[in-house]
Amino acid sequence: NVPLGSVNSSRAAYDWGPGTLVTV
């Protein structure tokens, strides 16, 4: 996304996409 805050923030400019799952 386009960040609106600094690292560790949750704020973003646009609606979220579906994401992709990483499982380690």
PDB file of all heavy atoms in Angstrom:
ATOM      1  N   ASN A   1       0.853  -1.180   0.000  1.00  0.00           N
ATOM      2  CA  ASN A   1       0.000   0.000   0.000  1.00  0.00           C
ATOM      3  C   ASN A   1       0.893   1.235   0.000  1.00  0.00           C
ATOM      4  O   ASN A   1       2.121   1.126   0.022  1.00  0.00           O
ATOM      5  CB  ASN A   1      -0.927   0.010   1.217  1.00  0.00           C
ATOM      6  CG  ASN A   1      -2.287   0.622   0.928  1.00  0.00           C
ATOM      7  OD1 ASN A   1      -2.363   1.738   0.398  1.00  0.00           O
ATOM      8  ND2 ASN A   1      -3.362  -0.094   1.273  1.00  0.00           N
ATOM      9  N   VAL A   2       0.273   2.396  -0.013  1.00  0.00           N
ATOM     10  CA  VAL A   2       0.967   3.670   0.105  1.00  0.00           C
ATOM     11  C   VAL A   2       0.925   4.062   1.567  1.00  0.00           C
ATOM     12  O   VAL A   2      -0.154   4.338   2.101  1.00  0.00           O
ATOM     13  CB  VAL A   2       0.315   4.747  -0.771  1.00  0.00           C
ATOM     14  CG1 VAL A   2       1.000   6.094  -0.558  1.00  0.00           C
ATOM     15  CG2 VAL A   2       0.365   4.346  -2.236  1.00  0.00           C
ATOM     16  N   PRO A   3       2.054   4.100   2.254  1.00  0.00           N
ATOM     17  CA  PRO A   3       2.026   4.360   3.689  1.00  0.00           C
ATOM     18  C   PRO A   3       1.727   5.815   4.018  1.00  0.00           C
ATOM     19  O   PRO A   3       2.171   6.731   3.320  1.00  0.00           O
ATOM     20  CB  PRO A   3       3.429   3.963   4.153  1.00  0.00           C
ATOM     21  CG  PRO A   3       4.284   4.131   2.934  1.00  0.00           C
ATOM     22  CD  PRO A   3       3.402   3.782   1.767  1.00  0.00           C
ATOM     23  N   LEU A   4       0.981   5.995   5.092  1.00  0.00           N
ATOM     24  CA  LEU A   4       0.703   7.320   5.636  1.00  0.00           C
ATOM     25  C   LEU A   4       1.407   7.539   6.968  1.00  0.00           C
ATOM     26  O   LEU A   4       1.384   8.656   7.488  1.00  0.00           O
ATOM     27  CB  LEU A   4      -0.802   7.510   5.819  1.00  0.00           C
ATOM     28  CG  LEU A   4      -1.632   7.502   4.534  1.00  0.00           C
ATOM     29  CD1 LEU A   4      -3.115   7.669   4.865  1.00  0.00           C
ATOM     30  CD2 LEU A   4      -1.174   8.593   3.579  1.00  0.00           C
ATOM     31  N   GLY A   5       1.999   6.514   7.509  1.00  0.00           N
ATOM     32  CA  GLY A   5       2.737   6.600   8.749  1.00  0.00           C
ATOM     33  C   GLY A   5       4.133   6.042   8.593  1.00  0.00           C
ATOM     34  O   GLY A   5       4.562   5.662   7.501  1.00  0.00           O
ATOM     35  N   SER A   6       4.832   5.988   9.695  1.00  0.00           N
ATOM     36  CA  SER A   6       6.192   5.491   9.700  1.00  0.00           C
ATOM     37  C   SER A   6       6.204   3.974   9.843  1.00  0.00           C
ATOM     38  O   SER A   6       5.162   3.341   9.948  1.00  0.00           O
ATOM     39  CB  SER A   6       6.983   6.144  10.836  1.00  0.00           C
ATOM     40  OG  SER A   6       6.389   5.861  12.092  1.00  0.00           O
ATOM     41  N   VAL A   7       7.397   3.400   9.826  1.00  0.00           N
ATOM     42  CA  VAL A   7       7.547   1.967  10.066  1.00  0.00           C
ATOM     43  C   VAL A   7       6.864   1.594  11.379  1.00  0.00           C
ATOM     44  O   VAL A   7       6.948   2.330  12.360  1.00  0.00           O
ATOM     45  CB  VAL A   7       9.035   1.578  10.079  1.00  0.00           C
ATOM     46  CG1 VAL A   7       9.237   0.175  10.625  1.00  0.00           C
ATOM     47  CG2 VAL A   7       9.614   1.703   8.679  1.00  0.00           C
ATOM     48  N   ASN A   8       6.158   0.478  11.349  1.00  0.00           N
ATOM     49  CA  ASN A   8       5.383  -0.061  12.462  1.00  0.00           C
ATOM     50  C   ASN A   8       3.963   0.491  12.515  1.00  0.00           C
ATOM     51  O   ASN A   8       3.130  -0.021  13.262  1.00  0.00           O
ATOM     52  CB  ASN A   8       6.091   0.144  13.803  1.00  0.00           C
ATOM     53  CG  ASN A   8       5.478  -0.680  14.914  1.00  0.00           C
ATOM     54  OD1 ASN A   8       5.090  -0.149  15.948  1.00  0.00           O
ATOM     55  ND2 ASN A   8       5.380  -1.978  14.706  1.00  0.00           N
ATOM     56  N   SER A   9       3.658   1.507  11.696  1.00  0.00           N
ATOM     57  CA  SER A   9       2.309   2.051  11.633  1.00  0.00           C
ATOM     58  C   SER A   9       1.410   1.140  10.800  1.00  0.00           C
ATOM     59  O   SER A   9       1.876   0.374   9.957  1.00  0.00           O
ATOM     60  CB  SER A   9       2.327   3.449  11.021  1.00  0.00           C
ATOM     61  OG  SER A   9       1.016   3.931  10.798  1.00  0.00           O
ATOM     62  N   SER A  10       0.104   1.247  11.028  1.00  0.00           N
ATOM     63  CA  SER A  10      -0.875   0.516  10.234  1.00  0.00           C
ATOM     64  C   SER A  10      -1.572   1.392   9.205  1.00  0.00           C
ATOM     65  O   SER A  10      -2.386   0.887   8.426  1.00  0.00           O
ATOM     66  CB  SER A  10      -1.919  -0.130  11.150  1.00  0.00           C
ATOM     67  OG  SER A  10      -2.673   0.857  11.833  1.00  0.00           O
ATOM     68  N   ARG A  11      -1.273   2.672   9.173  1.00  0.00           N
ATOM     69  CA  ARG A  11      -2.006   3.609   8.340  1.00  0.00           C
ATOM     70  C   ARG A  11      -1.545   3.542   6.893  1.00  0.00           C
ATOM     71  O   ARG A  11      -0.344   3.528   6.599  1.00  0.00           O
ATOM     72  CB  ARG A  11      -1.855   5.034   8.874  1.00  0.00           C
ATOM     73  CG  ARG A  11      -2.255   5.195  10.330  1.00  0.00           C
ATOM     74  CD  ARG A  11      -2.516   6.651  10.688  1.00  0.00           C
ATOM     75  NE  ARG A  11      -1.466   7.545  10.219  1.00  0.00           N
ATOM     76  CZ  ARG A  11      -0.329   7.788  10.857  1.00  0.00           C
ATOM     77  NH1 ARG A  11      -0.089   7.187  12.021  1.00  0.00           N
ATOM     78  NH2 ARG A  11       0.553   8.632  10.350  1.00  0.00           N
ATOM     79  N   ALA A  12      -2.524   3.539   5.990  1.00  0.00           N
ATOM     80  CA  ALA A  12      -2.238   3.491   4.565  1.00  0.00           C
ATOM     81  C   ALA A  12      -3.279   4.305   3.817  1.00  0.00           C
ATOM     82  O   ALA A  12      -4.369   4.564   4.325  1.00  0.00           O
ATOM     83  CB  ALA A  12      -2.220   2.057   4.058  1.00  0.00           C
ATOM     84  N   ALA A  13      -2.954   4.673   2.585  1.00  0.00           N
ATOM     85  CA  ALA A  13      -3.779   5.606   1.837  1.00  0.00           C
ATOM     86  C   ALA A  13      -4.994   4.971   1.184  1.00  0.00           C
ATOM     87  O   ALA A  13      -5.995   5.662   0.966  1.00  0.00           O
ATOM     88  CB  ALA A  13      -2.933   6.299   0.771  1.00  0.00           C
ATOM     89  N   TYR A  14      -4.925   3.697   0.858  1.00  0.00           N
ATOM     90  CA  TYR A  14      -5.951   3.078   0.043  1.00  0.00           C
ATOM     91  C   TYR A  14      -6.499   1.808   0.685  1.00  0.00           C
ATOM     92  O   TYR A  14      -5.933   1.293   1.654  1.00  0.00           O
ATOM     93  CB  TYR A  14      -5.395   2.762  -1.350  1.00  0.00           C
ATOM     94  CG  TYR A  14      -4.905   3.983  -2.084  1.00  0.00           C
ATOM     95  CD1 TYR A  14      -3.547   4.279  -2.164  1.00  0.00           C
ATOM     96  CD2 TYR A  14      -5.799   4.859  -2.679  1.00  0.00           C
ATOM     97  CE1 TYR A  14      -3.095   5.406  -2.822  1.00  0.00           C
ATOM     98  CE2 TYR A  14      -5.358   5.998  -3.338  1.00  0.00           C
ATOM     99  CZ  TYR A  14      -4.001   6.263  -3.403  1.00  0.00           C
ATOM    100  OH  TYR A  14      -3.562   7.398  -4.058  1.00  0.00           O
ATOM    101  N   ASP A  15      -7.598   1.344   0.120  1.00  0.00           N
ATOM    102  CA  ASP A  15      -8.156   0.079   0.573  1.00  0.00           C
ATOM    103  C   ASP A  15      -7.146  -1.042   0.338  1.00  0.00           C
ATOM    104  O   ASP A  15      -6.335  -0.993  -0.592  1.00  0.00           O
ATOM    105  CB  ASP A  15      -9.456  -0.239  -0.171  1.00  0.00           C
ATOM    106  CG  ASP A  15     -10.598   0.677   0.210  1.00  0.00           C
ATOM    107  OD1 ASP A  15     -10.525   1.329   1.269  1.00  0.00           O
ATOM    108  OD2 ASP A  15     -11.577   0.743  -0.555  1.00  0.00           O
ATOM    109  N   TRP A  16      -7.240  -2.045   1.184  1.00  0.00           N
ATOM    110  CA  TRP A  16      -6.285  -3.145   1.129  1.00  0.00           C
ATOM    111  C   TRP A  16      -6.635  -4.160   0.056  1.00  0.00           C
ATOM    112  O   TRP A  16      -7.793  -4.426  -0.219  1.00  0.00           O
ATOM    113  CB  TRP A  16      -6.218  -3.854   2.479  1.00  0.00           C
ATOM    114  CG  TRP A  16      -5.795  -2.950   3.584  1.00  0.00           C
ATOM    115  CD1 TRP A  16      -6.591  -2.337   4.507  1.00  0.00           C
ATOM    116  CD2 TRP A  16      -4.460  -2.528   3.878  1.00  0.00           C
ATOM    117  NE1 TRP A  16      -5.841  -1.567   5.357  1.00  0.00           N
ATOM    118  CE2 TRP A  16      -4.528  -1.662   4.990  1.00  0.00           C
ATOM    119  CE3 TRP A  16      -3.215  -2.803   3.303  1.00  0.00           C
ATOM    120  CZ2 TRP A  16      -3.397  -1.075   5.543  1.00  0.00           C
ATOM    121  CZ3 TRP A  16      -2.089  -2.210   3.852  1.00  0.00           C
ATOM    122  CH2 TRP A  16      -2.186  -1.358   4.957  1.00  0.00           C
ATOM    123  N   GLY A  17      -5.597  -4.711  -0.547  1.00  0.00           N
ATOM    124  CA  GLY A  17      -5.788  -5.837  -1.433  1.00  0.00           C
ATOM    125  C   GLY A  17      -5.935  -7.119  -0.639  1.00  0.00           C
ATOM    126  O   GLY A  17      -6.035  -7.102   0.587  1.00  0.00           O
ATOM    127  N   PRO A  18      -5.950  -8.254  -1.320  1.00  0.00           N
ATOM    128  CA  PRO A  18      -6.171  -9.526  -0.626  1.00  0.00           C
ATOM    129  C   PRO A  18      -4.985  -9.988   0.221  1.00  0.00           C
ATOM    130  O   PRO A  18      -5.168 -10.809   1.127  1.00  0.00           O
ATOM    131  CB  PRO A  18      -6.435 -10.513  -1.763  1.00  0.00           C
ATOM    132  CG  PRO A  18      -5.712  -9.919  -2.934  1.00  0.00           C
ATOM    133  CD  PRO A  18      -5.860  -8.432  -2.769  1.00  0.00           C
ATOM    134  N   GLY A  19      -3.803  -9.483  -0.068  1.00  0.00           N
ATOM    135  CA  GLY A  19      -2.615  -9.936   0.623  1.00  0.00           C
ATOM    136  C   GLY A  19      -2.182 -11.308   0.124  1.00  0.00           C
ATOM    137  O   GLY A  19      -2.892 -11.981  -0.622  1.00  0.00           O
ATOM    138  N   THR A  20      -0.996 -11.707   0.543  1.00  0.00           N
ATOM    139  CA  THR A  20      -0.495 -13.034   0.223  1.00  0.00           C
ATOM    140  C   THR A  20       0.078 -13.642   1.496  1.00  0.00           C
ATOM    141  O   THR A  20       0.809 -12.985   2.241  1.00  0.00           O
ATOM    142  CB  THR A  20       0.547 -12.982  -0.916  1.00  0.00           C
ATOM    143  OG1 THR A  20       0.902 -14.310  -1.311  1.00  0.00           O
ATOM    144  CG2 THR A  20       1.795 -12.208  -0.520  1.00  0.00           C
ATOM    145  N   LEU A  21      -0.275 -14.879   1.759  1.00  0.00           N
ATOM    146  CA  LEU A  21       0.076 -15.530   3.012  1.00  0.00           C
ATOM    147  C   LEU A  21       1.453 -16.169   2.925  1.00  0.00           C
ATOM    148  O   LEU A  21       1.735 -16.963   2.019  1.00  0.00           O
ATOM    149  CB  LEU A  21      -0.961 -16.598   3.360  1.00  0.00           C
ATOM    150  CG  LEU A  21      -0.681 -17.451   4.602  1.00  0.00           C
ATOM    151  CD1 LEU A  21      -0.643 -16.586   5.859  1.00  0.00           C
ATOM    152  CD2 LEU A  21      -1.729 -18.544   4.740  1.00  0.00           C
ATOM    153  N   VAL A  22       2.293 -15.810   3.875  1.00  0.00           N
ATOM    154  CA  VAL A  22       3.602 -16.437   4.045  1.00  0.00           C
ATOM    155  C   VAL A  22       3.554 -17.257   5.320  1.00  0.00           C
ATOM    156  O   VAL A  22       3.261 -16.725   6.391  1.00  0.00           O
ATOM    157  CB  VAL A  22       4.720 -15.381   4.118  1.00  0.00           C
ATOM    158  CG1 VAL A  22       6.053 -16.036   4.481  1.00  0.00           C
ATOM    159  CG2 VAL A  22       4.829 -14.619   2.811  1.00  0.00           C
ATOM    160  N   THR A  23       3.835 -18.529   5.200  1.00  0.00           N
ATOM    161  CA  THR A  23       3.874 -19.421   6.346  1.00  0.00           C
ATOM    162  C   THR A  23       5.269 -20.011   6.450  1.00  0.00           C
ATOM    163  O   THR A  23       5.739 -20.670   5.518  1.00  0.00           O
ATOM    164  CB  THR A  23       2.837 -20.542   6.223  1.00  0.00           C
ATOM    165  OG1 THR A  23       1.528 -19.982   6.084  1.00  0.00           O
ATOM    166  CG2 THR A  23       2.868 -21.436   7.455  1.00  0.00           C
ATOM    167  N   VAL A  24       5.920 -19.767   7.567  1.00  0.00           N
ATOM    168  CA  VAL A  24       7.274 -20.264   7.802  1.00  0.00           C
ATOM    169  C   VAL A  24       7.184 -21.348   8.862  1.00  0.00           C
ATOM    170  O   VAL A  24       6.920 -21.059  10.036  1.00  0.00           O
ATOM    171  CB  VAL A  24       8.225 -19.144   8.234  1.00  0.00           C
ATOM    172  CG1 VAL A  24       9.646 -19.682   8.359  1.00  0.00           C
ATOM    173  CG2 VAL A  24       8.170 -17.982   7.247  1.00  0.00           C
TER     174      VAL A  24
END
